[in-house]
Amino acid sequence: MRLESTGPHTTLLHDTANAQVGGKIAQLGSRLIDMATQKMAGEFFTAFEPQLAARYPAAAEVAAPATEAPAQGVWARLVAWLRRLLG
């Protein structure tokens, strides 16, 4: 994971999830394994958000600008939330 400042009130989160498997499970194909890895990472961040908001409630109350388009997908929502939190 890497955070990159993209402006005075914005931060971009770069994240990579990898999985390596062998044996019979590898026969399922790397695409299926990659999808499962991404799903698990998404579930982690979905569970992580309320924990972080509980620890830092003032940062969680910061609202997104009214002109911001709604985020699509788990990763886009996570990045938008982290930008608001760390901004």
PDB file of N, CA and C in Angstrom:
ATOM      1  N   MET A   1       0.837  -1.152   0.000  1.00  0.00           N
ATOM      2  CA  MET A   1       0.000   0.000   0.000  1.00  0.00           C
ATOM      3  C   MET A   1       0.900   1.238   0.000  1.00  0.00           C
ATOM      4  N   ARG A   2       0.474   2.216  -0.779  1.00  0.00           N
ATOM      5  CA  ARG A   2       1.243   3.455  -0.859  1.00  0.00           C
ATOM      6  C   ARG A   2       0.262   4.616  -0.968  1.00  0.00           C
ATOM      7  N   LEU A   3       0.502   5.671  -0.174  1.00  0.00           N
ATOM      8  CA  LEU A   3      -0.314   6.881  -0.229  1.00  0.00           C
ATOM      9  C   LEU A   3       0.449   7.946  -0.992  1.00  0.00           C
ATOM     10  N   GLU A   4      -0.276   8.652  -1.856  1.00  0.00           N
ATOM     11  CA  GLU A   4       0.332   9.704  -2.675  1.00  0.00           C
ATOM     12  C   GLU A   4      -0.509  10.969  -2.549  1.00  0.00           C
ATOM     13  N   SER A   5       0.122  12.052  -2.140  1.00  0.00           N
ATOM     14  CA  SER A   5      -0.578  13.326  -2.047  1.00  0.00           C
ATOM     15  C   SER A   5      -0.830  13.847  -3.460  1.00  0.00           C
ATOM     16  N   THR A   6      -2.102  14.158  -3.748  1.00  0.00           N
ATOM     17  CA  THR A   6      -2.457  14.659  -5.076  1.00  0.00           C
ATOM     18  C   THR A   6      -2.964  16.092  -5.025  1.00  0.00           C
ATOM     19  N   GLY A   7      -2.917  16.689  -3.868  1.00  0.00           N
ATOM     20  CA  GLY A   7      -3.362  18.065  -3.706  1.00  0.00           C
ATOM     21  C   GLY A   7      -3.386  18.423  -2.236  1.00  0.00           C
ATOM     22  N   PRO A   8      -3.775  19.653  -1.926  1.00  0.00           N
ATOM     23  CA  PRO A   8      -3.756  20.073  -0.525  1.00  0.00           C
ATOM     24  C   PRO A   8      -4.745  19.308   0.357  1.00  0.00           C
ATOM     25  N   HIS A   9      -5.813  18.780  -0.221  1.00  0.00           N
ATOM     26  CA  HIS A   9      -6.819  18.079   0.572  1.00  0.00           C
ATOM     27  C   HIS A   9      -7.152  16.708   0.002  1.00  0.00           C
ATOM     28  N   THR A  10      -6.267  16.147  -0.805  1.00  0.00           N
ATOM     29  CA  THR A  10      -6.551  14.849  -1.412  1.00  0.00           C
ATOM     30  C   THR A  10      -5.343  13.932  -1.308  1.00  0.00           C
ATOM     31  N   THR A  11      -5.631  12.655  -1.146  1.00  0.00           N
ATOM     32  CA  THR A  11      -4.605  11.622  -1.086  1.00  0.00           C
ATOM     33  C   THR A  11      -5.085  10.440  -1.908  1.00  0.00           C
ATOM     34  N   LEU A  12      -4.195   9.871  -2.684  1.00  0.00           N
ATOM     35  CA  LEU A  12      -4.506   8.720  -3.518  1.00  0.00           C
ATOM     36  C   LEU A  12      -3.892   7.482  -2.880  1.00  0.00           C
ATOM     37  N   LEU A  13      -4.694   6.430  -2.733  1.00  0.00           N
ATOM     38  CA  LEU A  13      -4.231   5.171  -2.176  1.00  0.00           C
ATOM     39  C   LEU A  13      -3.922   4.212  -3.312  1.00  0.00           C
ATOM     40  N   HIS A  14      -2.704   3.715  -3.360  1.00  0.00           N
ATOM     41  CA  HIS A  14      -2.313   2.687  -4.320  1.00  0.00           C
ATOM     42  C   HIS A  14      -2.252   1.371  -3.557  1.00  0.00           C
ATOM     43  N   ASP A  15      -2.964   0.362  -4.035  1.00  0.00           N
ATOM     44  CA  ASP A  15      -3.024  -0.913  -3.334  1.00  0.00           C
ATOM     45  C   ASP A  15      -2.891  -2.039  -4.337  1.00  0.00           C
ATOM     46  N   THR A  16      -2.159  -3.064  -3.964  1.00  0.00           N
ATOM     47  CA  THR A  16      -2.010  -4.249  -4.797  1.00  0.00           C
ATOM     48  C   THR A  16      -2.234  -5.469  -3.926  1.00  0.00           C
ATOM     49  N   ALA A  17      -3.063  -6.376  -4.383  1.00  0.00           N
ATOM     50  CA  ALA A  17      -3.296  -7.629  -3.665  1.00  0.00           C
ATOM     51  C   ALA A  17      -2.840  -8.771  -4.562  1.00  0.00           C
ATOM     52  N   ASN A  18      -2.005  -9.636  -4.034  1.00  0.00           N
ATOM     53  CA  ASN A  18      -1.485 -10.767  -4.797  1.00  0.00           C
ATOM     54  C   ASN A  18      -1.710 -12.061  -4.036  1.00  0.00           C
ATOM     55  N   ALA A  19      -1.883 -13.134  -4.768  1.00  0.00           N
ATOM     56  CA  ALA A  19      -2.004 -14.462  -4.167  1.00  0.00           C
ATOM     57  C   ALA A  19      -1.224 -15.441  -5.025  1.00  0.00           C
ATOM     58  N   GLN A  20      -0.530 -16.349  -4.364  1.00  0.00           N
ATOM     59  CA  GLN A  20       0.194 -17.392  -5.077  1.00  0.00           C
ATOM     60  C   GLN A  20      -0.293 -18.729  -4.548  1.00  0.00           C
ATOM     61  N   VAL A  21      -0.689 -19.588  -5.444  1.00  0.00           N
ATOM     62  CA  VAL A  21      -1.176 -20.905  -5.048  1.00  0.00           C
ATOM     63  C   VAL A  21      -0.521 -21.963  -5.917  1.00  0.00           C
ATOM     64  N   GLY A  22      -0.557 -23.173  -5.440  1.00  0.00           N
ATOM     65  CA  GLY A  22      -0.009 -24.287  -6.199  1.00  0.00           C
ATOM     66  C   GLY A  22      -0.890 -25.508  -6.012  1.00  0.00           C
ATOM     67  N   GLY A  23      -0.525 -26.569  -6.647  1.00  0.00           N
ATOM     68  CA  GLY A  23      -1.267 -27.817  -6.501  1.00  0.00           C
ATOM     69  C   GLY A  23      -2.609 -27.787  -7.196  1.00  0.00           C
ATOM     70  N   LYS A  24      -3.559 -28.527  -6.609  1.00  0.00           N
ATOM     71  CA  LYS A  24      -4.872 -28.682  -7.245  1.00  0.00           C
ATOM     72  C   LYS A  24      -5.644 -27.368  -7.338  1.00  0.00           C
ATOM     73  N   ILE A  25      -5.488 -26.509  -6.341  1.00  0.00           N
ATOM     74  CA  ILE A  25      -6.234 -25.241  -6.393  1.00  0.00           C
ATOM     75  C   ILE A  25      -5.764 -24.367  -7.550  1.00  0.00           C
ATOM     76  N   ALA A  26      -4.521 -24.510  -7.947  1.00  0.00           N
ATOM     77  CA  ALA A  26      -3.998 -23.718  -9.065  1.00  0.00           C
ATOM     78  C   ALA A  26      -4.678 -24.098 -10.376  1.00  0.00           C
ATOM     79  N   GLN A  27      -5.270 -25.276 -10.436  1.00  0.00           N
ATOM     80  CA  GLN A  27      -5.961 -25.717 -11.645  1.00  0.00           C
ATOM     81  C   GLN A  27      -7.224 -24.899 -11.906  1.00  0.00           C
ATOM     82  N   LEU A  28      -7.722 -24.190 -10.907  1.00  0.00           N
ATOM     83  CA  LEU A  28      -8.911 -23.359 -11.093  1.00  0.00           C
ATOM     84  C   LEU A  28      -8.630 -22.171 -11.999  1.00  0.00           C
ATOM     85  N   GLY A  29      -7.379 -21.831 -12.103  1.00  0.00           N
ATOM     86  CA  GLY A  29      -7.006 -20.723 -12.969  1.00  0.00           C
ATOM     87  C   GLY A  29      -6.684 -19.474 -12.182  1.00  0.00           C
ATOM     88  N   SER A  30      -5.736 -18.741 -12.694  1.00  0.00           N
ATOM     89  CA  SER A  30      -5.266 -17.552 -11.987  1.00  0.00           C
ATOM     90  C   SER A  30      -6.317 -16.448 -11.944  1.00  0.00           C
ATOM     91  N   ARG A  31      -7.172 -16.361 -12.944  1.00  0.00           N
ATOM     92  CA  ARG A  31      -8.197 -15.303 -12.957  1.00  0.00           C
ATOM     93  C   ARG A  31      -9.149 -15.458 -11.772  1.00  0.00           C
ATOM     94  N   LEU A  32      -9.580 -16.680 -11.509  1.00  0.00           N
ATOM     95  CA  LEU A  32     -10.482 -16.926 -10.387  1.00  0.00           C
ATOM     96  C   LEU A  32      -9.789 -16.615  -9.061  1.00  0.00           C
ATOM     97  N   ILE A  33      -8.530 -17.002  -8.942  1.00  0.00           N
ATOM     98  CA  ILE A  33      -7.773 -16.731  -7.722  1.00  0.00           C
ATOM     99  C   ILE A  33      -7.586 -15.226  -7.548  1.00  0.00           C
ATOM    100  N   ASP A  34      -7.267 -14.520  -8.624  1.00  0.00           N
ATOM    101  CA  ASP A  34      -7.103 -13.062  -8.557  1.00  0.00           C
ATOM    102  C   ASP A  34      -8.403 -12.386  -8.123  1.00  0.00           C
ATOM    103  N   MET A  35      -9.530 -12.853  -8.656  1.00  0.00           N
ATOM    104  CA  MET A  35     -10.820 -12.269  -8.287  1.00  0.00           C
ATOM    105  C   MET A  35     -11.111 -12.500  -6.805  1.00  0.00           C
ATOM    106  N   ALA A  36     -10.802 -13.694  -6.318  1.00  0.00           N
ATOM    107  CA  ALA A  36     -11.022 -13.993  -4.900  1.00  0.00           C
ATOM    108  C   ALA A  36     -10.127 -13.127  -4.019  1.00  0.00           C
ATOM    109  N   THR A  37      -8.894 -12.908  -4.454  1.00  0.00           N
ATOM    110  CA  THR A  37      -7.971 -12.058  -3.696  1.00  0.00           C
ATOM    111  C   THR A  37      -8.498 -10.635  -3.621  1.00  0.00           C
ATOM    112  N   GLN A  38      -8.965 -10.110  -4.735  1.00  0.00           N
ATOM    113  CA  GLN A  38      -9.506  -8.750  -4.754  1.00  0.00           C
ATOM    114  C   GLN A  38     -10.762  -8.646  -3.890  1.00  0.00           C
ATOM    115  N   LYS A  39     -11.596  -9.687  -3.921  1.00  0.00           N
ATOM    116  CA  LYS A  39     -12.811  -9.689  -3.109  1.00  0.00           C
ATOM    117  C   LYS A  39     -12.456  -9.667  -1.626  1.00  0.00           C
ATOM    118  N   MET A  40     -11.474 -10.464  -1.230  1.00  0.00           N
ATOM    119  CA  MET A  40     -11.059 -10.492   0.171  1.00  0.00           C
ATOM    120  C   MET A  40     -10.481  -9.146   0.605  1.00  0.00           C
ATOM    121  N   ALA A  41      -9.705  -8.520  -0.261  1.00  0.00           N
ATOM    122  CA  ALA A  41      -9.156  -7.200   0.056  1.00  0.00           C
ATOM    123  C   ALA A  41     -10.288  -6.184   0.197  1.00  0.00           C
ATOM    124  N   GLY A  42     -11.282  -6.255  -0.684  1.00  0.00           N
ATOM    125  CA  GLY A  42     -12.436  -5.361  -0.597  1.00  0.00           C
ATOM    126  C   GLY A  42     -13.215  -5.553   0.695  1.00  0.00           C
ATOM    127  N   GLU A  43     -13.387  -6.810   1.100  1.00  0.00           N
ATOM    128  CA  GLU A  43     -14.083  -7.095   2.355  1.00  0.00           C
ATOM    129  C   GLU A  43     -13.300  -6.547   3.549  1.00  0.00           C
ATOM    130  N   PHE A  44     -11.976  -6.642   3.470  1.00  0.00           N
ATOM    131  CA  PHE A  44     -11.145  -6.086   4.540  1.00  0.00           C
ATOM    132  C   PHE A  44     -11.403  -4.592   4.691  1.00  0.00           C
ATOM    133  N   PHE A  45     -11.360  -3.853   3.578  1.00  0.00           N
ATOM    134  CA  PHE A  45     -11.529  -2.407   3.662  1.00  0.00           C
ATOM    135  C   PHE A  45     -12.955  -2.029   4.057  1.00  0.00           C
ATOM    136  N   THR A  46     -13.934  -2.833   3.675  1.00  0.00           N
ATOM    137  CA  THR A  46     -15.313  -2.581   4.090  1.00  0.00           C
ATOM    138  C   THR A  46     -15.440  -2.719   5.605  1.00  0.00           C
ATOM    139  N   ALA A  47     -14.764  -3.708   6.189  1.00  0.00           N
ATOM    140  CA  ALA A  47     -14.785  -3.889   7.642  1.00  0.00           C
ATOM    141  C   ALA A  47     -13.881  -2.879   8.351  1.00  0.00           C
ATOM    142  N   PHE A  48     -12.831  -2.447   7.681  1.00  0.00           N
ATOM    143  CA  PHE A  48     -11.859  -1.519   8.267  1.00  0.00           C
ATOM    144  C   PHE A  48     -12.439  -0.113   8.426  1.00  0.00           C
ATOM    145  N   GLU A  49     -13.270   0.303   7.492  1.00  0.00           N
ATOM    146  CA  GLU A  49     -13.817   1.666   7.497  1.00  0.00           C
ATOM    147  C   GLU A  49     -14.538   2.014   8.795  1.00  0.00           C
ATOM    148  N   PRO A  50     -15.485   1.179   9.294  1.00  0.00           N
ATOM    149  CA  PRO A  50     -16.157   1.557  10.543  1.00  0.00           C
ATOM    150  C   PRO A  50     -15.204   1.586  11.743  1.00  0.00           C
ATOM    151  N   GLN A  51     -14.199   0.721  11.733  1.00  0.00           N
ATOM    152  CA  GLN A  51     -13.224   0.732  12.823  1.00  0.00           C
ATOM    153  C   GLN A  51     -12.439   2.042  12.835  1.00  0.00           C
ATOM    154  N   LEU A  52     -12.040   2.479  11.663  1.00  0.00           N
ATOM    155  CA  LEU A  52     -11.293   3.728  11.545  1.00  0.00           C
ATOM    156  C   LEU A  52     -12.174   4.922  11.911  1.00  0.00           C
ATOM    157  N   ALA A  53     -13.431   4.889  11.469  1.00  0.00           N
ATOM    158  CA  ALA A  53     -14.365   5.975  11.785  1.00  0.00           C
ATOM    159  C   ALA A  53     -14.634   6.048  13.287  1.00  0.00           C
ATOM    160  N   ALA A  54     -14.664   4.897  13.958  1.00  0.00           N
ATOM    161  CA  ALA A  54     -14.881   4.887  15.407  1.00  0.00           C
ATOM    162  C   ALA A  54     -13.682   5.476  16.140  1.00  0.00           C
ATOM    163  N   ARG A  55     -12.502   5.224  15.626  1.00  0.00           N
ATOM    164  CA  ARG A  55     -11.290   5.727  16.276  1.00  0.00           C
ATOM    165  C   ARG A  55     -11.081   7.216  15.997  1.00  0.00           C
ATOM    166  N   TYR A  56     -11.439   7.669  14.797  1.00  0.00           N
ATOM    167  CA  TYR A  56     -11.244   9.067  14.396  1.00  0.00           C
ATOM    168  C   TYR A  56     -12.578   9.654  13.930  1.00  0.00           C
ATOM    169  N   PRO A  57     -13.525   9.875  14.839  1.00  0.00           N
ATOM    170  CA  PRO A  57     -14.866  10.315  14.428  1.00  0.00           C
ATOM    171  C   PRO A  57     -14.891  11.670  13.745  1.00  0.00           C
ATOM    172  N   ALA A  58     -14.040  12.599  14.131  1.00  0.00           N
ATOM    173  CA  ALA A  58     -14.056  13.922  13.502  1.00  0.00           C
ATOM    174  C   ALA A  58     -13.708  13.827  12.027  1.00  0.00           C
ATOM    175  N   ALA A  59     -12.757  12.981  11.676  1.00  0.00           N
ATOM    176  CA  ALA A  59     -12.368  12.827  10.274  1.00  0.00           C
ATOM    177  C   ALA A  59     -13.475  12.153   9.474  1.00  0.00           C
ATOM    178  N   ALA A  60     -14.221  11.254  10.081  1.00  0.00           N
ATOM    179  CA  ALA A  60     -15.289  10.548   9.373  1.00  0.00           C
ATOM    180  C   ALA A  60     -16.466  11.463   9.069  1.00  0.00           C
ATOM    181  N   GLU A  61     -16.616  12.554   9.827  1.00  0.00           N
ATOM    182  CA  GLU A  61     -17.738  13.463   9.623  1.00  0.00           C
ATOM    183  C   GLU A  61     -17.537  14.408   8.454  1.00  0.00           C
ATOM    184  N   VAL A  62     -16.343  14.468   7.900  1.00  0.00           N
ATOM    185  CA  VAL A  62     -16.066  15.357   6.772  1.00  0.00           C
ATOM    186  C   VAL A  62     -16.867  14.871   5.574  1.00  0.00           C
ATOM    187  N   ALA A  63     -17.674  15.731   5.017  1.00  0.00           N
ATOM    188  CA  ALA A  63     -18.531  15.355   3.889  1.00  0.00           C
ATOM    189  C   ALA A  63     -17.810  15.599   2.571  1.00  0.00           C
ATOM    190  N   ALA A  64     -18.173  14.801   1.581  1.00  0.00           N
ATOM    191  CA  ALA A  64     -17.623  14.982   0.236  1.00  0.00           C
ATOM    192  C   ALA A  64     -18.239  16.233  -0.381  1.00  0.00           C
ATOM    193  N   PRO A  65     -17.524  16.911  -1.259  1.00  0.00           N
ATOM    194  CA  PRO A  65     -18.099  18.074  -1.943  1.00  0.00           C
ATOM    195  C   PRO A  65     -19.358  17.684  -2.716  1.00  0.00           C
ATOM    196  N   ALA A  66     -20.321  18.587  -2.785  1.00  0.00           N
ATOM    197  CA  ALA A  66     -21.592  18.301  -3.448  1.00  0.00           C
ATOM    198  C   ALA A  66     -21.419  18.032  -4.934  1.00  0.00           C
ATOM    199  N   THR A  67     -20.346  18.520  -5.541  1.00  0.00           N
ATOM    200  CA  THR A  67     -20.141  18.337  -6.971  1.00  0.00           C
ATOM    201  C   THR A  67     -19.467  17.013  -7.306  1.00  0.00           C
ATOM    202  N   GLU A  68     -19.029  16.264  -6.286  1.00  0.00           N
ATOM    203  CA  GLU A  68     -18.341  15.000  -6.536  1.00  0.00           C
ATOM    204  C   GLU A  68     -19.336  13.946  -7.015  1.00  0.00           C
ATOM    205  N   ALA A  69     -18.988  13.249  -8.080  1.00  0.00           N
ATOM    206  CA  ALA A  69     -19.845  12.193  -8.611  1.00  0.00           C
ATOM    207  C   ALA A  69     -19.803  10.996  -7.673  1.00  0.00           C
ATOM    208  N   PRO A  70     -20.891  10.225  -7.573  1.00  0.00           N
ATOM    209  CA  PRO A  70     -20.878   9.055  -6.710  1.00  0.00           C
ATOM    210  C   PRO A  70     -19.838   8.044  -7.192  1.00  0.00           C
ATOM    211  N   ALA A  71     -19.120   7.460  -6.253  1.00  0.00           N
ATOM    212  CA  ALA A  71     -18.067   6.493  -6.582  1.00  0.00           C
ATOM    213  C   ALA A  71     -18.686   5.189  -7.071  1.00  0.00           C
ATOM    214  N   GLN A  72     -18.005   4.521  -7.961  1.00  0.00           N
ATOM    215  CA  GLN A  72     -18.464   3.246  -8.488  1.00  0.00           C
ATOM    216  C   GLN A  72     -17.531   2.154  -7.988  1.00  0.00           C
ATOM    217  N   GLY A  73     -18.064   1.094  -7.459  1.00  0.00           N
ATOM    218  CA  GLY A  73     -17.264  -0.038  -7.043  1.00  0.00           C
ATOM    219  C   GLY A  73     -16.628   0.159  -5.672  1.00  0.00           C
ATOM    220  N   VAL A  74     -16.196  -0.946  -5.108  1.00  0.00           N
ATOM    221  CA  VAL A  74     -15.607  -0.953  -3.774  1.00  0.00           C
ATOM    222  C   VAL A  74     -14.336  -0.127  -3.730  1.00  0.00           C
ATOM    223  N   TRP A  75     -13.453  -0.319  -4.704  1.00  0.00           N
ATOM    224  CA  TRP A  75     -12.163   0.374  -4.690  1.00  0.00           C
ATOM    225  C   TRP A  75     -12.340   1.878  -4.861  1.00  0.00           C
ATOM    226  N   ALA A  76     -13.229   2.297  -5.729  1.00  0.00           N
ATOM    227  CA  ALA A  76     -13.454   3.725  -5.931  1.00  0.00           C
ATOM    228  C   ALA A  76     -14.042   4.355  -4.672  1.00  0.00           C
ATOM    229  N   ARG A  77     -14.973   3.643  -4.002  1.00  0.00           N
ATOM    230  CA  ARG A  77     -15.539   4.157  -2.756  1.00  0.00           C
ATOM    231  C   ARG A  77     -14.467   4.265  -1.684  1.00  0.00           C
ATOM    232  N   LEU A  78     -13.588   3.263  -1.621  1.00  0.00           N
ATOM    233  CA  LEU A  78     -12.513   3.283  -0.635  1.00  0.00           C
ATOM    234  C   LEU A  78     -11.576   4.461  -0.866  1.00  0.00           C
ATOM    235  N   VAL A  79     -11.180   4.660  -2.097  1.00  0.00           N
ATOM    236  CA  VAL A  79     -10.271   5.762  -2.418  1.00  0.00           C
ATOM    237  C   VAL A  79     -10.934   7.098  -2.098  1.00  0.00           C
ATOM    238  N   ALA A  80     -12.203   7.254  -2.454  1.00  0.00           N
ATOM    239  CA  ALA A  80     -12.910   8.504  -2.167  1.00  0.00           C
ATOM    240  C   ALA A  80     -13.009   8.738  -0.666  1.00  0.00           C
ATOM    241  N   TRP A  81     -13.293   7.680   0.089  1.00  0.00           N
ATOM    242  CA  TRP A  81     -13.398   7.807   1.539  1.00  0.00           C
ATOM    243  C   TRP A  81     -12.051   8.177   2.148  1.00  0.00           C
ATOM    244  N   LEU A  82     -10.984   7.522   1.704  1.00  0.00           N
ATOM    245  CA  LEU A  82      -9.656   7.831   2.230  1.00  0.00           C
ATOM    246  C   LEU A  82      -9.233   9.250   1.876  1.00  0.00           C
ATOM    247  N   ARG A  83      -9.613   9.720   0.707  1.00  0.00           N
ATOM    248  CA  ARG A  83      -9.305  11.107   0.338  1.00  0.00           C
ATOM    249  C   ARG A  83      -9.976  12.080   1.294  1.00  0.00           C
ATOM    250  N   ARG A  84     -11.236  11.795   1.627  1.00  0.00           N
ATOM    251  CA  ARG A  84     -11.939  12.666   2.574  1.00  0.00           C
ATOM    252  C   ARG A  84     -11.318  12.560   3.962  1.00  0.00           C
ATOM    253  N   LEU A  85     -10.952  11.352   4.357  1.00  0.00           N
ATOM    254  CA  LEU A  85     -10.391  11.128   5.683  1.00  0.00           C
ATOM    255  C   LEU A  85      -9.020  11.773   5.840  1.00  0.00           C
ATOM    256  N   LEU A  86      -8.167  11.591   4.860  1.00  0.00           N
ATOM    257  CA  LEU A  86      -6.789  12.063   4.963  1.00  0.00           C
ATOM    258  C   LEU A  86      -6.591  13.464   4.403  1.00  0.00           C
ATOM    259  N   GLY A  87      -7.584  13.948   3.667  1.00  0.00           N
ATOM    260  CA  GLY A  87      -7.478  15.243   3.009  1.00  0.00           C
ATOM    261  C   GLY A  87      -7.251  16.335   3.966  1.00  0.00           C
TER     262      GLY A  87
END
